[in-house]
Amino acid sequence: MRTDDRGQTSVEFLGLLPLILLVLAVLWECVLAGYTYTLAGDAADRGARQGAAALPSGDQAACRQAALDKLGDSWRAGAEAPECHPDGPDLYRARVTLKVPVLFPALGSFPLPVTGEASAAREREPWEGP
């Protein structure tokens, strides 16, 4: 019976290394998906606020510009055009759709999009009344 186990730990670690790397990649992808949800919601919120404050003639352009303004290049490249429109006389709604990147933002993206939606109360001019 041999009692010399030198190197056994290294062999076991090398056998588990692919599994460890796979778990880390899955966890990182979950972080990217969560961050993309946060970015989509924030972009929709910024767009809705800007669209609600803009004059009716330029509200959609202002909403779209504000929604995409602070996104990183990789997320902006995969973003669909934000949907911006009034929702009744008192609300302005924005919807932003982004793609979740694969491992690193420059490598590509998953086919499933992430959508963020927000509404903001339209601002009235003092002469418009209630």
N, C-alpha and C. Protein backbone atom coordinates (compact mmCIF):
# COMPACT_ATOMS: atom_id res chain seq x y z
N MET A 1 0.84 -1.18 0.00
CA MET A 1 0.00 0.00 0.00
C MET A 1 0.88 1.24 0.00
N ARG A 2 0.56 2.14 -0.88
CA ARG A 2 1.36 3.35 -1.03
C ARG A 2 0.73 4.48 -0.23
N THR A 3 1.50 5.19 0.57
CA THR A 3 0.98 6.27 1.41
C THR A 3 1.44 7.64 0.92
N ASP A 4 2.14 7.69 -0.18
CA ASP A 4 2.64 8.96 -0.71
C ASP A 4 1.58 9.58 -1.62
N ASP A 5 0.93 10.62 -1.13
CA ASP A 5 -0.15 11.27 -1.89
C ASP A 5 0.25 12.64 -2.43
N ARG A 6 1.54 12.86 -2.56
CA ARG A 6 1.96 14.16 -3.07
C ARG A 6 1.44 14.36 -4.49
N GLY A 7 0.87 15.55 -4.74
CA GLY A 7 0.34 15.86 -6.07
C GLY A 7 -1.12 15.53 -6.25
N GLN A 8 -1.71 14.80 -5.34
CA GLN A 8 -3.11 14.41 -5.47
C GLN A 8 -4.03 15.63 -5.47
N THR A 9 -3.74 16.58 -4.61
CA THR A 9 -4.56 17.79 -4.54
C THR A 9 -4.49 18.57 -5.85
N SER A 10 -3.32 18.65 -6.44
CA SER A 10 -3.17 19.37 -7.72
C SER A 10 -3.96 18.69 -8.83
N VAL A 11 -3.94 17.38 -8.86
CA VAL A 11 -4.68 16.63 -9.88
C VAL A 11 -6.18 16.84 -9.71
N GLU A 12 -6.65 16.79 -8.46
CA GLU A 12 -8.07 17.01 -8.21
C GLU A 12 -8.48 18.43 -8.57
N PHE A 13 -7.62 19.41 -8.27
CA PHE A 13 -7.93 20.79 -8.61
C PHE A 13 -8.00 20.97 -10.12
N LEU A 14 -7.05 20.40 -10.84
CA LEU A 14 -7.08 20.50 -12.30
C LEU A 14 -8.30 19.82 -12.89
N GLY A 15 -8.78 18.77 -12.26
CA GLY A 15 -9.99 18.11 -12.73
C GLY A 15 -11.24 18.96 -12.51
N LEU A 16 -11.23 19.73 -11.42
CA LEU A 16 -12.39 20.59 -11.12
C LEU A 16 -12.30 21.98 -11.72
N LEU A 17 -11.14 22.35 -12.25
CA LEU A 17 -10.95 23.70 -12.78
C LEU A 17 -11.97 24.07 -13.86
N PRO A 18 -12.27 23.20 -14.83
CA PRO A 18 -13.29 23.58 -15.81
C PRO A 18 -14.66 23.85 -15.17
N LEU A 19 -15.04 23.07 -14.19
CA LEU A 19 -16.31 23.30 -13.51
C LEU A 19 -16.30 24.62 -12.75
N ILE A 20 -15.20 24.94 -12.10
CA ILE A 20 -15.08 26.20 -11.38
C ILE A 20 -15.19 27.37 -12.35
N LEU A 21 -14.50 27.29 -13.49
CA LEU A 21 -14.56 28.36 -14.49
C LEU A 21 -15.96 28.50 -15.07
N LEU A 22 -16.64 27.39 -15.28
CA LEU A 22 -18.02 27.44 -15.79
C LEU A 22 -18.95 28.13 -14.79
N VAL A 23 -18.82 27.80 -13.53
CA VAL A 23 -19.65 28.44 -12.49
C VAL A 23 -19.37 29.94 -12.43
N LEU A 24 -18.09 30.33 -12.51
CA LEU A 24 -17.75 31.75 -12.52
C LEU A 24 -18.33 32.47 -13.74
N ALA A 25 -18.29 31.83 -14.91
CA ALA A 25 -18.86 32.43 -16.12
C ALA A 25 -20.37 32.60 -15.99
N VAL A 26 -21.05 31.61 -15.43
CA VAL A 26 -22.50 31.72 -15.23
C VAL A 26 -22.83 32.83 -14.24
N LEU A 27 -22.08 32.92 -13.16
CA LEU A 27 -22.30 33.99 -12.19
C LEU A 27 -22.05 35.37 -12.81
N TRP A 28 -21.00 35.49 -13.61
CA TRP A 28 -20.72 36.76 -14.27
C TRP A 28 -21.83 37.13 -15.24
N GLU A 29 -22.36 36.14 -15.94
CA GLU A 29 -23.46 36.41 -16.87
C GLU A 29 -24.71 36.87 -16.13
N CYS A 30 -24.95 36.32 -14.94
CA CYS A 30 -26.07 36.78 -14.12
C CYS A 30 -25.87 38.23 -13.69
N VAL A 31 -24.65 38.59 -13.37
CA VAL A 31 -24.35 39.99 -13.02
C VAL A 31 -24.60 40.90 -14.21
N LEU A 32 -24.18 40.49 -15.39
CA LEU A 32 -24.41 41.30 -16.59
C LEU A 32 -25.91 41.44 -16.89
N ALA A 33 -26.66 40.37 -16.71
CA ALA A 33 -28.11 40.44 -16.94
C ALA A 33 -28.77 41.41 -15.95
N GLY A 34 -28.39 41.33 -14.69
CA GLY A 34 -28.93 42.25 -13.69
C GLY A 34 -28.55 43.69 -13.98
N TYR A 35 -27.32 43.91 -14.40
CA TYR A 35 -26.87 45.27 -14.73
C TYR A 35 -27.63 45.80 -15.95
N THR A 36 -27.91 44.93 -16.91
CA THR A 36 -28.66 45.35 -18.09
C THR A 36 -30.09 45.74 -17.71
N TYR A 37 -30.72 44.99 -16.80
CA TYR A 37 -32.05 45.37 -16.30
C TYR A 37 -31.99 46.75 -15.64
N THR A 38 -30.96 47.00 -14.86
CA THR A 38 -30.80 48.29 -14.20
C THR A 38 -30.62 49.40 -15.22
N LEU A 39 -29.78 49.17 -16.22
CA LEU A 39 -29.56 50.17 -17.26
C LEU A 39 -30.84 50.46 -18.05
N ALA A 40 -31.60 49.43 -18.38
CA ALA A 40 -32.83 49.62 -19.15
C ALA A 40 -33.85 50.43 -18.35
N GLY A 41 -34.01 50.13 -17.08
CA GLY A 41 -34.94 50.88 -16.25
C GLY A 41 -34.52 52.32 -16.07
N ASP A 42 -33.23 52.54 -15.86
CA ASP A 42 -32.73 53.90 -15.69
C ASP A 42 -32.87 54.70 -16.98
N ALA A 43 -32.56 54.09 -18.12
CA ALA A 43 -32.69 54.78 -19.40
C ALA A 43 -34.15 55.14 -19.68
N ALA A 44 -35.07 54.23 -19.38
CA ALA A 44 -36.49 54.52 -19.58
C ALA A 44 -36.95 55.65 -18.66
N ASP A 45 -36.48 55.65 -17.44
CA ASP A 45 -36.83 56.70 -16.49
C ASP A 45 -36.32 58.06 -16.96
N ARG A 46 -35.07 58.12 -17.40
CA ARG A 46 -34.52 59.38 -17.90
C ARG A 46 -35.27 59.87 -19.13
N GLY A 47 -35.60 58.94 -20.03
CA GLY A 47 -36.34 59.32 -21.23
C GLY A 47 -37.73 59.83 -20.91
N ALA A 48 -38.43 59.16 -20.00
CA ALA A 48 -39.78 59.58 -19.64
C ALA A 48 -39.77 60.95 -18.97
N ARG A 49 -38.81 61.19 -18.09
CA ARG A 49 -38.73 62.50 -17.44
C ARG A 49 -38.43 63.60 -18.44
N GLN A 50 -37.51 63.34 -19.37
CA GLN A 50 -37.17 64.35 -20.36
C GLN A 50 -38.33 64.59 -21.33
N GLY A 51 -39.01 63.52 -21.73
CA GLY A 51 -40.16 63.68 -22.62
C GLY A 51 -41.31 64.42 -21.97
N ALA A 52 -41.50 64.19 -20.67
CA ALA A 52 -42.58 64.88 -19.95
C ALA A 52 -42.29 66.36 -19.78
N ALA A 53 -41.03 66.73 -19.72
CA ALA A 53 -40.67 68.13 -19.51
C ALA A 53 -40.53 68.90 -20.82
N ALA A 54 -40.41 68.20 -21.95
CA ALA A 54 -40.20 68.87 -23.24
C ALA A 54 -41.51 69.42 -23.79
N LEU A 55 -41.38 70.32 -24.70
CA LEU A 55 -42.56 70.84 -25.39
C LEU A 55 -43.16 69.71 -26.23
N PRO A 56 -44.46 69.72 -26.44
CA PRO A 56 -45.08 68.63 -27.20
C PRO A 56 -44.48 68.41 -28.58
N SER A 57 -43.96 69.45 -29.20
CA SER A 57 -43.41 69.28 -30.54
C SER A 57 -42.09 68.51 -30.55
N GLY A 58 -41.34 68.53 -29.45
CA GLY A 58 -40.05 67.86 -29.44
C GLY A 58 -39.91 66.81 -28.37
N ASP A 59 -41.04 66.32 -27.84
CA ASP A 59 -40.95 65.40 -26.72
C ASP A 59 -40.37 64.05 -27.10
N GLN A 60 -40.68 63.51 -28.27
CA GLN A 60 -40.16 62.19 -28.63
C GLN A 60 -38.66 62.23 -28.89
N ALA A 61 -38.19 63.25 -29.56
CA ALA A 61 -36.76 63.37 -29.83
C ALA A 61 -35.98 63.57 -28.52
N ALA A 62 -36.52 64.39 -27.63
CA ALA A 62 -35.85 64.62 -26.34
C ALA A 62 -35.84 63.34 -25.51
N CYS A 63 -36.93 62.60 -25.54
CA CYS A 63 -37.03 61.34 -24.79
C CYS A 63 -36.01 60.34 -25.31
N ARG A 64 -35.95 60.16 -26.61
CA ARG A 64 -35.02 59.18 -27.20
C ARG A 64 -33.57 59.55 -26.94
N GLN A 65 -33.26 60.83 -27.05
CA GLN A 65 -31.89 61.28 -26.81
C GLN A 65 -31.49 61.05 -25.36
N ALA A 66 -32.37 61.40 -24.43
CA ALA A 66 -32.06 61.24 -23.01
C ALA A 66 -31.95 59.77 -22.63
N ALA A 67 -32.77 58.91 -23.23
CA ALA A 67 -32.75 57.49 -22.90
C ALA A 67 -31.44 56.82 -23.31
N LEU A 68 -30.89 57.22 -24.44
CA LEU A 68 -29.67 56.58 -24.94
C LEU A 68 -28.40 57.31 -24.55
N ASP A 69 -28.53 58.49 -23.98
CA ASP A 69 -27.37 59.35 -23.73
C ASP A 69 -26.34 58.74 -22.80
N LYS A 70 -26.74 58.15 -21.69
CA LYS A 70 -25.81 57.68 -20.67
C LYS A 70 -25.44 56.19 -20.80
N LEU A 71 -25.97 55.50 -21.81
CA LEU A 71 -25.65 54.08 -21.98
C LEU A 71 -24.23 53.93 -22.51
N GLY A 72 -23.57 52.86 -22.10
CA GLY A 72 -22.25 52.55 -22.64
C GLY A 72 -22.35 52.17 -24.11
N ASP A 73 -21.23 52.21 -24.80
CA ASP A 73 -21.23 51.94 -26.25
C ASP A 73 -21.79 50.57 -26.60
N SER A 74 -21.43 49.54 -25.82
CA SER A 74 -21.88 48.19 -26.14
C SER A 74 -23.38 48.04 -25.95
N TRP A 75 -23.93 48.66 -24.92
CA TRP A 75 -25.37 48.57 -24.70
C TRP A 75 -26.11 49.45 -25.69
N ARG A 76 -25.55 50.60 -26.04
CA ARG A 76 -26.20 51.49 -27.01
C ARG A 76 -26.24 50.84 -28.38
N ALA A 77 -25.18 50.10 -28.73
CA ALA A 77 -25.13 49.45 -30.04
C ALA A 77 -26.22 48.38 -30.17
N GLY A 78 -26.55 47.70 -29.08
CA GLY A 78 -27.57 46.66 -29.12
C GLY A 78 -28.96 47.13 -28.74
N ALA A 79 -29.11 48.43 -28.49
CA ALA A 79 -30.41 48.95 -28.07
C ALA A 79 -31.33 49.17 -29.26
N GLU A 80 -32.59 48.87 -29.05
CA GLU A 80 -33.60 49.22 -30.04
C GLU A 80 -33.97 50.68 -29.82
N ALA A 81 -34.57 51.30 -30.83
CA ALA A 81 -34.99 52.70 -30.68
C ALA A 81 -36.02 52.78 -29.55
N PRO A 82 -35.79 53.66 -28.58
CA PRO A 82 -36.74 53.77 -27.46
C PRO A 82 -38.13 54.19 -27.95
N GLU A 83 -39.14 53.61 -27.32
CA GLU A 83 -40.53 54.00 -27.62
C GLU A 83 -40.92 55.09 -26.65
N CYS A 84 -41.30 56.24 -27.15
CA CYS A 84 -41.67 57.38 -26.33
C CYS A 84 -43.00 57.92 -26.83
N HIS A 85 -43.95 58.06 -25.92
CA HIS A 85 -45.25 58.59 -26.33
C HIS A 85 -46.04 59.05 -25.11
N PRO A 86 -46.95 60.01 -25.31
CA PRO A 86 -47.84 60.40 -24.22
C PRO A 86 -48.80 59.27 -23.89
N ASP A 87 -49.12 59.14 -22.63
CA ASP A 87 -50.08 58.13 -22.18
C ASP A 87 -51.21 58.88 -21.49
N GLY A 88 -52.10 59.41 -22.28
CA GLY A 88 -53.16 60.25 -21.73
C GLY A 88 -52.65 61.68 -21.61
N PRO A 89 -53.48 62.56 -21.08
CA PRO A 89 -53.08 63.97 -21.01
C PRO A 89 -52.05 64.26 -19.92
N ASP A 90 -51.91 63.40 -18.93
CA ASP A 90 -51.06 63.72 -17.79
C ASP A 90 -49.81 62.87 -17.65
N LEU A 91 -49.66 61.83 -18.44
CA LEU A 91 -48.49 60.94 -18.30
C LEU A 91 -47.70 60.86 -19.60
N TYR A 92 -46.43 60.62 -19.44
CA TYR A 92 -45.56 60.37 -20.59
C TYR A 92 -44.84 59.06 -20.33
N ARG A 93 -44.86 58.16 -21.28
CA ARG A 93 -44.32 56.81 -21.10
C ARG A 93 -43.14 56.59 -22.04
N ALA A 94 -42.14 55.85 -21.51
CA ALA A 94 -40.97 55.47 -22.31
C ALA A 94 -40.67 53.99 -22.08
N ARG A 95 -40.23 53.33 -23.13
CA ARG A 95 -39.84 51.92 -23.05
C ARG A 95 -38.51 51.76 -23.78
N VAL A 96 -37.55 51.17 -23.07
CA VAL A 96 -36.21 50.95 -23.63
C VAL A 96 -35.92 49.46 -23.64
N THR A 97 -35.45 48.94 -24.77
CA THR A 97 -35.12 47.53 -24.90
C THR A 97 -33.63 47.39 -25.20
N LEU A 98 -32.95 46.61 -24.36
CA LEU A 98 -31.51 46.38 -24.50
C LEU A 98 -31.24 44.88 -24.62
N LYS A 99 -30.08 44.56 -25.16
CA LYS A 99 -29.65 43.16 -25.24
C LYS A 99 -28.61 42.88 -24.17
N VAL A 100 -28.69 41.69 -23.57
CA VAL A 100 -27.74 41.29 -22.53
C VAL A 100 -26.47 40.79 -23.21
N PRO A 101 -25.31 41.37 -22.88
CA PRO A 101 -24.06 40.91 -23.51
C PRO A 101 -23.65 39.53 -23.01
N VAL A 102 -22.86 38.85 -23.83
CA VAL A 102 -22.33 37.54 -23.49
C VAL A 102 -20.93 37.71 -22.91
N LEU A 103 -20.75 37.41 -21.64
CA LEU A 103 -19.50 37.45 -20.88
C LEU A 103 -18.82 38.82 -20.86
N PHE A 104 -18.59 39.42 -21.99
CA PHE A 104 -18.02 40.76 -22.07
C PHE A 104 -18.86 41.54 -23.07
N PRO A 105 -19.12 42.81 -22.82
CA PRO A 105 -20.00 43.57 -23.70
C PRO A 105 -19.59 43.58 -25.16
N ALA A 106 -18.32 43.44 -25.49
CA ALA A 106 -17.90 43.50 -26.88
C ALA A 106 -18.02 42.17 -27.62
N LEU A 107 -18.31 41.07 -26.93
CA LEU A 107 -18.33 39.75 -27.56
C LEU A 107 -19.62 39.42 -28.31
N GLY A 108 -20.68 40.11 -28.06
CA GLY A 108 -21.97 39.80 -28.66
C GLY A 108 -23.04 39.86 -27.60
N SER A 109 -24.22 39.36 -27.95
CA SER A 109 -25.31 39.43 -26.98
C SER A 109 -26.26 38.25 -27.15
N PHE A 110 -27.03 38.01 -26.09
CA PHE A 110 -28.05 36.97 -26.12
C PHE A 110 -29.23 37.44 -26.96
N PRO A 111 -29.97 36.51 -27.55
CA PRO A 111 -31.12 36.92 -28.37
C PRO A 111 -32.31 37.41 -27.55
N LEU A 112 -32.30 37.18 -26.24
CA LEU A 112 -33.44 37.61 -25.42
C LEU A 112 -33.22 39.04 -24.94
N PRO A 113 -34.11 39.97 -25.30
CA PRO A 113 -33.94 41.36 -24.89
C PRO A 113 -34.46 41.62 -23.48
N VAL A 114 -33.98 42.69 -22.90
CA VAL A 114 -34.41 43.17 -21.59
C VAL A 114 -35.12 44.50 -21.80
N THR A 115 -36.31 44.64 -21.21
CA THR A 115 -37.10 45.86 -21.42
C THR A 115 -37.28 46.60 -20.10
N GLY A 116 -37.10 47.90 -20.17
CA GLY A 116 -37.36 48.77 -19.03
C GLY A 116 -38.44 49.76 -19.42
N GLU A 117 -39.40 49.97 -18.52
CA GLU A 117 -40.49 50.91 -18.80
C GLU A 117 -40.59 51.91 -17.66
N ALA A 118 -41.00 53.14 -18.01
CA ALA A 118 -41.18 54.17 -16.99
C ALA A 118 -42.22 55.16 -17.47
N SER A 119 -42.86 55.82 -16.53
CA SER A 119 -43.81 56.89 -16.80
C SER A 119 -43.47 58.09 -15.94
N ALA A 120 -43.78 59.25 -16.45
CA ALA A 120 -43.56 60.48 -15.69
C ALA A 120 -44.76 61.39 -15.92
N ALA A 121 -45.09 62.18 -14.91
CA ALA A 121 -46.19 63.14 -15.03
C ALA A 121 -45.75 64.27 -15.94
N ARG A 122 -46.62 64.62 -16.88
CA ARG A 122 -46.32 65.73 -17.79
C ARG A 122 -46.36 67.03 -17.02
N GLU A 123 -45.41 67.88 -17.30
CA GLU A 123 -45.37 69.17 -16.66
C GLU A 123 -46.25 70.14 -17.43
N ARG A 124 -47.03 70.91 -16.70
CA ARG A 124 -47.91 71.90 -17.32
C ARG A 124 -47.32 73.28 -17.13
N GLU A 125 -47.58 74.11 -18.10
CA GLU A 125 -47.19 75.51 -17.97
C GLU A 125 -48.19 76.20 -17.05
N PRO A 126 -47.78 77.24 -16.35
CA PRO A 126 -48.69 77.90 -15.39
C PRO A 126 -49.98 78.40 -16.04
N TRP A 127 -49.94 78.78 -17.32
CA TRP A 127 -51.12 79.30 -17.96
C TRP A 127 -52.08 78.22 -18.45
N GLU A 128 -51.67 76.95 -18.39
CA GLU A 128 -52.54 75.87 -18.85
C GLU A 128 -53.63 75.54 -17.85
N GLY A 129 -53.40 75.79 -16.60
CA GLY A 129 -54.41 75.49 -15.58
C GLY A 129 -54.41 74.02 -15.20
N PRO A 130 -55.32 73.63 -14.31
CA PRO A 130 -55.35 72.23 -13.84
C PRO A 130 -55.85 71.25 -14.86
